[in-house]
C-alpha atoms as a PDB file:
ATOM      1  CA  UNK A   1      -6.703 -20.187   6.458  1.00  0.00           C
ATOM      2  CA  UNK A   2      -4.703 -20.704   9.925  1.00  0.00           C
ATOM      3  CA  UNK A   3      -1.831 -18.754   7.480  1.00  0.00           C
ATOM      4  CA  UNK A   4      -4.667 -16.024   6.727  1.00  0.00           C
ATOM      5  CA  UNK A   5      -5.808 -16.035  10.056  1.00  0.00           C
ATOM      6  CA  UNK A   6      -2.054 -15.330  12.217  1.00  0.00           C
ATOM      7  CA  UNK A   7      -1.878 -12.952   9.362  1.00  0.00           C
ATOM      8  CA  UNK A   8      -4.911 -11.036   9.815  1.00  0.00           C
ATOM      9  CA  UNK A   9      -3.784 -11.047  13.374  1.00  0.00           C
ATOM     10  CA  UNK A  10      -0.566  -9.381  12.948  1.00  0.00           C
ATOM     11  CA  UNK A  11      -1.554  -6.961  10.753  1.00  0.00           C
ATOM     12  CA  UNK A  12      -3.194  -5.759  14.213  1.00  0.00           C
ATOM     13  CA  UNK A  13       0.181  -5.156  15.880  1.00  0.00           C
ATOM     14  CA  UNK A  14      -0.606  -7.252  18.562  1.00  0.00           C
ATOM     15  CA  UNK A  15       1.721  -7.081  21.956  1.00  0.00           C
ATOM     16  CA  UNK A  16       1.273 -11.500  21.785  1.00  0.00           C
ATOM     17  CA  UNK A  17      -0.316 -13.773  19.608  1.00  0.00           C
ATOM     18  CA  UNK A  18      -0.943 -17.835  21.294  1.00  0.00           C
ATOM     19  CA  UNK A  19      -2.593 -19.722  18.270  1.00  0.00           C
ATOM     20  CA  UNK A  20      -5.132 -21.904  20.396  1.00  0.00           C
ATOM     21  CA  UNK A  21      -4.814 -25.532  18.891  1.00  0.00           C
ATOM     22  CA  UNK A  22      -7.531 -27.023  20.831  1.00  0.00           C
ATOM     23  CA  UNK A  23      -9.885 -27.144  17.598  1.00  0.00           C
ATOM     24  CA  UNK A  24      -6.983 -29.595  15.818  1.00  0.00           C
ATOM     25  CA  UNK A  25      -8.034 -33.045  15.250  1.00  0.00           C
ATOM     26  CA  UNK A  26      -4.504 -33.940  13.052  1.00  0.00           C
ATOM     27  CA  UNK A  27      -1.112 -31.541  12.355  1.00  0.00           C
ATOM     28  CA  UNK A  28       1.074 -32.489   9.708  1.00  0.00           C
ATOM     29  CA  UNK A  29       3.735 -31.118   7.856  1.00  0.00           C
ATOM     30  CA  UNK A  30       2.133 -28.045   5.845  1.00  0.00           C
ATOM     31  CA  UNK A  31       0.304 -27.397   9.277  1.00  0.00           C
ATOM     32  CA  UNK A  32       3.723 -27.384  11.147  1.00  0.00           C
ATOM     33  CA  UNK A  33       5.484 -25.292   8.026  1.00  0.00           C
ATOM     34  CA  UNK A  34       2.451 -22.060   8.940  1.00  0.00           C
ATOM     35  CA  UNK A  35       2.777 -22.791  12.883  1.00  0.00           C
ATOM     36  CA  UNK A  36       6.884 -21.775  12.323  1.00  0.00           C
ATOM     37  CA  UNK A  37       6.197 -19.006   9.653  1.00  0.00           C
ATOM     38  CA  UNK A  38       3.649 -17.575  12.015  1.00  0.00           C
ATOM     39  CA  UNK A  39       6.190 -17.902  15.175  1.00  0.00           C
ATOM     40  CA  UNK A  40       9.043 -16.321  12.630  1.00  0.00           C
ATOM     41  CA  UNK A  41       6.845 -13.459  11.253  1.00  0.00           C
ATOM     42  CA  UNK A  42       5.534 -12.660  14.799  1.00  0.00           C
ATOM     43  CA  UNK A  43       9.245 -12.677  16.143  1.00  0.00           C
ATOM     44  CA  UNK A  44      10.451 -10.499  12.905  1.00  0.00           C
ATOM     45  CA  UNK A  45       7.485  -7.645  13.863  1.00  0.00           C
ATOM     46  CA  UNK A  46       8.360  -7.879  17.508  1.00  0.00           C
ATOM     47  CA  UNK A  47       5.613  -9.915  18.582  1.00  0.00           C
ATOM     48  CA  UNK A  48       5.835 -12.350  21.490  1.00  0.00           C
ATOM     49  CA  UNK A  49       4.295 -15.881  19.821  1.00  0.00           C
ATOM     50  CA  UNK A  50       3.314 -19.312  21.460  1.00  0.00           C
ATOM     51  CA  UNK A  51       0.974 -21.972  21.064  1.00  0.00           C
ATOM     52  CA  UNK A  52      -1.409 -23.674  23.343  1.00  0.00           C
ATOM     53  CA  UNK A  53      -3.806 -26.843  24.121  1.00  0.00           C
ATOM     54  CA  UNK A  54      -4.301 -29.148  21.646  1.00  0.00           C
ATOM     55  CA  UNK A  55      -5.629 -32.584  22.171  1.00  0.00           C
ATOM     56  CA  UNK A  56      -2.755 -35.191  22.557  1.00  0.00           C
ATOM     57  CA  UNK A  57      -2.306 -36.496  19.005  1.00  0.00           C
ATOM     58  CA  UNK A  58      -1.390 -32.795  17.943  1.00  0.00           C
ATOM     59  CA  UNK A  59       0.802 -32.357  21.135  1.00  0.00           C
ATOM     60  CA  UNK A  60       2.417 -35.187  20.842  1.00  0.00           C
ATOM     61  CA  UNK A  61       3.239 -34.284  17.010  1.00  0.00           C
ATOM     62  CA  UNK A  62       4.935 -31.101  18.323  1.00  0.00           C
ATOM     63  CA  UNK A  63       7.221 -33.826  20.850  1.00  0.00           C
ATOM     64  CA  UNK A  64       8.223 -35.785  18.364  1.00  0.00           C
ATOM     65  CA  UNK A  65       8.802 -32.708  15.672  1.00  0.00           C
ATOM     66  CA  UNK A  66      10.575 -31.368  18.825  1.00  0.00           C
ATOM     67  CA  UNK A  67       8.553 -28.172  18.077  1.00  0.00           C
ATOM     68  CA  UNK A  68       7.156 -27.514  20.959  1.00  0.00           C
ATOM     69  CA  UNK A  69       9.990 -25.689  22.660  1.00  0.00           C
ATOM     70  CA  UNK A  70      10.133 -23.744  19.678  1.00  0.00           C
ATOM     71  CA  UNK A  71       7.118 -22.881  19.417  1.00  0.00           C
ATOM     72  CA  UNK A  72       6.708 -21.712  23.267  1.00  0.00           C
ATOM     73  CA  UNK A  73       4.008 -24.378  23.314  1.00  0.00           C
ATOM     74  CA  UNK A  74       2.168 -24.341  26.508  1.00  0.00           C
ATOM     75  CA  UNK A  75      -0.658 -26.980  28.259  1.00  0.00           C
ATOM     76  CA  UNK A  76      -3.432 -24.622  27.994  1.00  0.00           C
ATOM     77  CA  UNK A  77      -4.685 -21.703  26.797  1.00  0.00           C
ATOM     78  CA  UNK A  78      -4.804 -19.866  30.161  1.00  0.00           C
ATOM     79  CA  UNK A  79      -0.742 -21.150  30.655  1.00  0.00           C
ATOM     80  CA  UNK A  80      -0.425 -18.983  27.366  1.00  0.00           C
ATOM     81  CA  UNK A  81      -2.162 -16.017  28.250  1.00  0.00           C
ATOM     82  CA  UNK A  82      -0.542 -16.069  31.607  1.00  0.00           C
ATOM     83  CA  UNK A  83       3.410 -16.425  30.676  1.00  0.00           C
ATOM     84  CA  UNK A  84       2.572 -13.850  27.727  1.00  0.00           C
ATOM     85  CA  UNK A  85       1.540 -11.076  30.245  1.00  0.00           C
ATOM     86  CA  UNK A  86       4.299 -11.170  32.213  1.00  0.00           C
END
């Protein structure tokens, strides 16, 4: 579902794409690969990308894997939108 959603969003040629992680309760290796793919696809299309928010367990996974900076993760949706709007 996430892969389809990000590809659908990118097909609309936005200036930026924020993946809001608020509703996640788990993020394993498959989810991380999908997020990384979405980030690469966005960058290849010239679209600014980041992830935002999420419960503590998901943020911890991003920290442990050191993917938070790669995915340009922000602690809140508002912070992500503010940064991408700049």
